Amino acid sequence: MRNKNELLALRKTLKKWRARIIYLDHEISCKAMFYVEQHYLSHSTEIADALIAATAVSTGLSLITGNFKHYKIIRDIGIIKFSPK
C-alpha cells in the first residue's frame, strides 16, 4: 500500500469479500523459492511476491493485486487487477 487510505480501502474490500487467510506450507515455500531462483535476475522477483504468487498457484485461486507487473511473469496464475478507490 502506498498510503493509509489505500490500506483502509484494502481492508474494507477484504472484509466485504470475506477473504480467508491461507497459511504457508511446504509446497508453497518450494514454489516460492523456485520463482525467486527463476525470476530474480530477470525481473527482480523477491521472496514476498514469490510467496504470494506461489500461494495463488498452489491453491488454484486468483491473485487480486494492484501491482500486476510483479506477477505477470508467473505462469499458471490467474490475476485480477485491483484499483483502490
N, C-alpha and C. Protein backbone atom coordinates (compact mmCIF):
# COMPACT_ATOMS: atom_id res chain seq x y z
N MET A 1 0.84 -1.16 0.00
CA MET A 1 0.00 0.00 0.00
C MET A 1 0.89 1.24 0.00
N ARG A 2 0.46 2.21 -0.72
CA ARG A 2 1.24 3.44 -0.82
C ARG A 2 0.90 4.45 0.27
N ASN A 3 -0.29 4.31 0.86
CA ASN A 3 -0.68 5.25 1.91
C ASN A 3 -1.79 4.63 2.76
N LYS A 4 -2.17 5.34 3.80
CA LYS A 4 -3.16 4.83 4.75
C LYS A 4 -4.53 4.66 4.10
N ASN A 5 -4.89 5.55 3.19
CA ASN A 5 -6.19 5.44 2.52
C ASN A 5 -6.28 4.16 1.70
N GLU A 6 -5.20 3.80 1.00
CA GLU A 6 -5.19 2.56 0.24
C GLU A 6 -5.29 1.35 1.16
N LEU A 7 -4.61 1.40 2.29
CA LEU A 7 -4.68 0.31 3.26
C LEU A 7 -6.11 0.15 3.78
N LEU A 8 -6.75 1.25 4.11
CA LEU A 8 -8.13 1.19 4.58
C LEU A 8 -9.07 0.65 3.51
N ALA A 9 -8.85 1.05 2.25
CA ALA A 9 -9.66 0.55 1.14
C ALA A 9 -9.48 -0.96 0.98
N LEU A 10 -8.25 -1.42 1.12
CA LEU A 10 -7.98 -2.85 1.02
C LEU A 10 -8.68 -3.61 2.14
N ARG A 11 -8.54 -3.14 3.35
CA ARG A 11 -9.18 -3.81 4.49
C ARG A 11 -10.69 -3.88 4.32
N LYS A 12 -11.28 -2.79 3.88
CA LYS A 12 -12.72 -2.73 3.66
C LYS A 12 -13.14 -3.74 2.58
N THR A 13 -12.38 -3.80 1.52
CA THR A 13 -12.68 -4.72 0.43
C THR A 13 -12.53 -6.17 0.87
N LEU A 14 -11.45 -6.49 1.59
CA LEU A 14 -11.24 -7.86 2.06
C LEU A 14 -12.37 -8.29 2.99
N LYS A 15 -12.81 -7.38 3.84
CA LYS A 15 -13.92 -7.70 4.74
C LYS A 15 -15.20 -7.96 3.93
N LYS A 16 -15.45 -7.13 2.94
CA LYS A 16 -16.63 -7.28 2.08
C LYS A 16 -16.59 -8.63 1.35
N TRP A 17 -15.43 -9.02 0.89
CA TRP A 17 -15.26 -10.28 0.15
C TRP A 17 -15.19 -11.50 1.08
N ARG A 18 -15.13 -11.27 2.38
CA ARG A 18 -14.97 -12.36 3.35
C ARG A 18 -13.73 -13.20 3.03
N ALA A 19 -12.64 -12.50 2.80
CA ALA A 19 -11.37 -13.14 2.45
C ALA A 19 -10.90 -14.02 3.59
N ARG A 20 -10.22 -15.11 3.24
CA ARG A 20 -9.71 -16.02 4.28
C ARG A 20 -8.18 -16.01 4.26
N ILE A 21 -7.61 -16.39 5.37
CA ILE A 21 -6.16 -16.47 5.50
C ILE A 21 -5.71 -17.85 5.04
N ILE A 22 -4.68 -17.88 4.20
CA ILE A 22 -4.10 -19.14 3.75
C ILE A 22 -2.68 -19.20 4.31
N TYR A 23 -2.41 -20.25 5.07
CA TYR A 23 -1.11 -20.38 5.70
C TYR A 23 -0.11 -21.04 4.77
N LEU A 24 1.14 -20.67 4.93
CA LEU A 24 2.20 -21.24 4.12
C LEU A 24 2.42 -22.70 4.49
N ASP A 25 2.76 -23.49 3.48
CA ASP A 25 3.12 -24.88 3.72
C ASP A 25 4.35 -25.22 2.87
N HIS A 26 4.74 -26.48 2.90
CA HIS A 26 5.95 -26.90 2.19
C HIS A 26 5.84 -26.65 0.69
N GLU A 27 4.71 -26.97 0.09
CA GLU A 27 4.53 -26.78 -1.35
C GLU A 27 4.65 -25.30 -1.74
N ILE A 28 4.00 -24.44 -0.99
CA ILE A 28 4.05 -23.00 -1.28
C ILE A 28 5.48 -22.49 -1.13
N SER A 29 6.17 -22.90 -0.08
CA SER A 29 7.55 -22.46 0.14
C SER A 29 8.47 -22.90 -1.00
N CYS A 30 8.31 -24.14 -1.44
CA CYS A 30 9.15 -24.64 -2.54
C CYS A 30 8.89 -23.90 -3.83
N LYS A 31 7.61 -23.66 -4.14
CA LYS A 31 7.27 -22.90 -5.35
C LYS A 31 7.85 -21.49 -5.28
N ALA A 32 7.74 -20.88 -4.12
CA ALA A 32 8.23 -19.51 -3.97
C ALA A 32 9.74 -19.44 -4.21
N MET A 33 10.47 -20.38 -3.65
CA MET A 33 11.92 -20.39 -3.87
C MET A 33 12.25 -20.62 -5.34
N PHE A 34 11.48 -21.47 -6.02
CA PHE A 34 11.67 -21.69 -7.44
C PHE A 34 11.45 -20.38 -8.21
N TYR A 35 10.39 -19.64 -7.87
CA TYR A 35 10.12 -18.37 -8.56
C TYR A 35 11.24 -17.37 -8.34
N VAL A 36 11.77 -17.30 -7.13
CA VAL A 36 12.88 -16.38 -6.86
C VAL A 36 14.10 -16.79 -7.69
N GLU A 37 14.41 -18.08 -7.67
CA GLU A 37 15.57 -18.57 -8.42
C GLU A 37 15.42 -18.32 -9.92
N GLN A 38 14.23 -18.50 -10.44
CA GLN A 38 13.99 -18.35 -11.88
C GLN A 38 13.86 -16.91 -12.34
N HIS A 39 13.35 -16.03 -11.47
CA HIS A 39 12.96 -14.70 -11.94
C HIS A 39 13.64 -13.53 -11.23
N TYR A 40 14.51 -13.80 -10.26
CA TYR A 40 15.13 -12.67 -9.55
C TYR A 40 16.02 -11.84 -10.47
N LEU A 41 16.89 -12.48 -11.19
CA LEU A 41 17.83 -11.72 -12.03
C LEU A 41 17.12 -11.02 -13.19
N SER A 42 16.14 -11.66 -13.78
CA SER A 42 15.47 -11.05 -14.94
C SER A 42 14.38 -10.06 -14.56
N HIS A 43 13.69 -10.27 -13.43
CA HIS A 43 12.54 -9.43 -13.08
C HIS A 43 12.57 -8.93 -11.63
N SER A 44 13.66 -9.17 -10.93
CA SER A 44 13.82 -8.74 -9.53
C SER A 44 12.73 -9.29 -8.61
N THR A 45 12.28 -10.51 -8.88
CA THR A 45 11.25 -11.13 -8.05
C THR A 45 11.84 -11.41 -6.67
N GLU A 46 11.21 -10.84 -5.65
CA GLU A 46 11.68 -11.03 -4.28
C GLU A 46 10.77 -12.01 -3.55
N ILE A 47 11.20 -12.44 -2.39
CA ILE A 47 10.53 -13.52 -1.68
C ILE A 47 9.07 -13.21 -1.34
N ALA A 48 8.75 -12.00 -0.96
CA ALA A 48 7.36 -11.68 -0.60
C ALA A 48 6.43 -11.88 -1.79
N ASP A 49 6.80 -11.33 -2.94
CA ASP A 49 5.97 -11.50 -4.13
C ASP A 49 5.93 -12.96 -4.56
N ALA A 50 7.04 -13.66 -4.42
CA ALA A 50 7.10 -15.08 -4.78
C ALA A 50 6.19 -15.90 -3.88
N LEU A 51 6.15 -15.60 -2.59
CA LEU A 51 5.26 -16.31 -1.67
C LEU A 51 3.79 -16.07 -2.01
N ILE A 52 3.47 -14.85 -2.36
CA ILE A 52 2.09 -14.52 -2.73
C ILE A 52 1.70 -15.26 -4.00
N ALA A 53 2.57 -15.22 -5.01
CA ALA A 53 2.28 -15.92 -6.26
C ALA A 53 2.18 -17.43 -6.05
N ALA A 54 3.09 -17.98 -5.28
CA ALA A 54 3.08 -19.42 -5.02
C ALA A 54 1.83 -19.85 -4.28
N THR A 55 1.34 -19.02 -3.38
CA THR A 55 0.11 -19.33 -2.66
C THR A 55 -1.07 -19.38 -3.63
N ALA A 56 -1.15 -18.41 -4.52
CA ALA A 56 -2.24 -18.39 -5.51
C ALA A 56 -2.18 -19.61 -6.42
N VAL A 57 -1.00 -19.92 -6.92
CA VAL A 57 -0.85 -21.06 -7.82
C VAL A 57 -1.15 -22.37 -7.09
N SER A 58 -0.63 -22.55 -5.91
CA SER A 58 -0.81 -23.79 -5.15
C SER A 58 -2.26 -24.05 -4.77
N THR A 59 -3.00 -22.99 -4.50
CA THR A 59 -4.39 -23.15 -4.09
C THR A 59 -5.36 -23.10 -5.27
N GLY A 60 -4.86 -22.69 -6.43
CA GLY A 60 -5.73 -22.57 -7.60
C GLY A 60 -6.63 -21.35 -7.55
N LEU A 61 -6.30 -20.42 -6.68
CA LEU A 61 -7.09 -19.20 -6.54
C LEU A 61 -6.47 -18.08 -7.37
N SER A 62 -7.30 -17.13 -7.78
CA SER A 62 -6.78 -15.97 -8.50
C SER A 62 -6.14 -15.00 -7.51
N LEU A 63 -5.16 -14.28 -8.00
CA LEU A 63 -4.47 -13.27 -7.21
C LEU A 63 -5.06 -11.91 -7.54
N ILE A 64 -5.50 -11.21 -6.54
CA ILE A 64 -6.01 -9.86 -6.72
C ILE A 64 -4.91 -8.91 -6.31
N THR A 65 -4.46 -8.08 -7.25
CA THR A 65 -3.32 -7.21 -6.98
C THR A 65 -3.43 -5.87 -7.69
N GLY A 66 -2.90 -4.86 -7.08
CA GLY A 66 -2.78 -3.56 -7.71
C GLY A 66 -1.43 -3.41 -8.40
N ASN A 67 -0.61 -4.44 -8.33
CA ASN A 67 0.74 -4.38 -8.90
C ASN A 67 0.94 -5.56 -9.87
N PHE A 68 0.25 -5.50 -10.98
CA PHE A 68 0.25 -6.56 -11.98
C PHE A 68 1.66 -6.91 -12.46
N LYS A 69 2.52 -5.91 -12.59
CA LYS A 69 3.85 -6.16 -13.18
C LYS A 69 4.69 -7.13 -12.35
N HIS A 70 4.45 -7.24 -11.06
CA HIS A 70 5.24 -8.16 -10.23
C HIS A 70 4.90 -9.62 -10.49
N TYR A 71 3.73 -9.87 -11.06
CA TYR A 71 3.26 -11.25 -11.18
C TYR A 71 3.05 -11.73 -12.60
N LYS A 72 3.16 -10.84 -13.57
CA LYS A 72 2.85 -11.22 -14.95
C LYS A 72 3.79 -12.28 -15.52
N ILE A 73 4.96 -12.48 -14.94
CA ILE A 73 5.92 -13.47 -15.44
C ILE A 73 5.67 -14.86 -14.89
N ILE A 74 4.76 -14.99 -13.92
CA ILE A 74 4.46 -16.29 -13.33
C ILE A 74 3.42 -17.01 -14.18
N ARG A 75 3.78 -18.19 -14.66
CA ARG A 75 2.83 -18.99 -15.44
C ARG A 75 1.82 -19.63 -14.50
N ASP A 76 0.68 -19.97 -15.05
CA ASP A 76 -0.37 -20.69 -14.31
C ASP A 76 -0.99 -19.88 -13.18
N ILE A 77 -0.92 -18.57 -13.25
CA ILE A 77 -1.53 -17.75 -12.20
C ILE A 77 -2.66 -16.92 -12.80
N GLY A 78 -3.78 -16.91 -12.11
CA GLY A 78 -4.88 -16.05 -12.52
C GLY A 78 -4.75 -14.73 -11.79
N ILE A 79 -4.82 -13.64 -12.53
CA ILE A 79 -4.63 -12.32 -11.92
C ILE A 79 -5.86 -11.47 -12.15
N ILE A 80 -6.34 -10.85 -11.08
CA ILE A 80 -7.41 -9.86 -11.14
C ILE A 80 -6.81 -8.55 -10.68
N LYS A 81 -6.93 -7.52 -11.50
CA LYS A 81 -6.36 -6.22 -11.14
C LYS A 81 -7.25 -5.52 -10.11
N PHE A 82 -6.59 -4.97 -9.08
CA PHE A 82 -7.27 -4.23 -8.02
C PHE A 82 -6.90 -2.77 -8.13
N SER A 83 -7.89 -1.90 -8.11
CA SER A 83 -7.63 -0.46 -8.13
C SER A 83 -8.30 0.17 -6.91
N PRO A 84 -7.48 0.66 -5.97
CA PRO A 84 -8.06 1.30 -4.78
C PRO A 84 -8.85 2.54 -5.19
N LYS A 85 -9.97 2.72 -4.53
CA LYS A 85 -10.82 3.89 -4.86
C LYS A 85 -10.69 4.94 -3.82
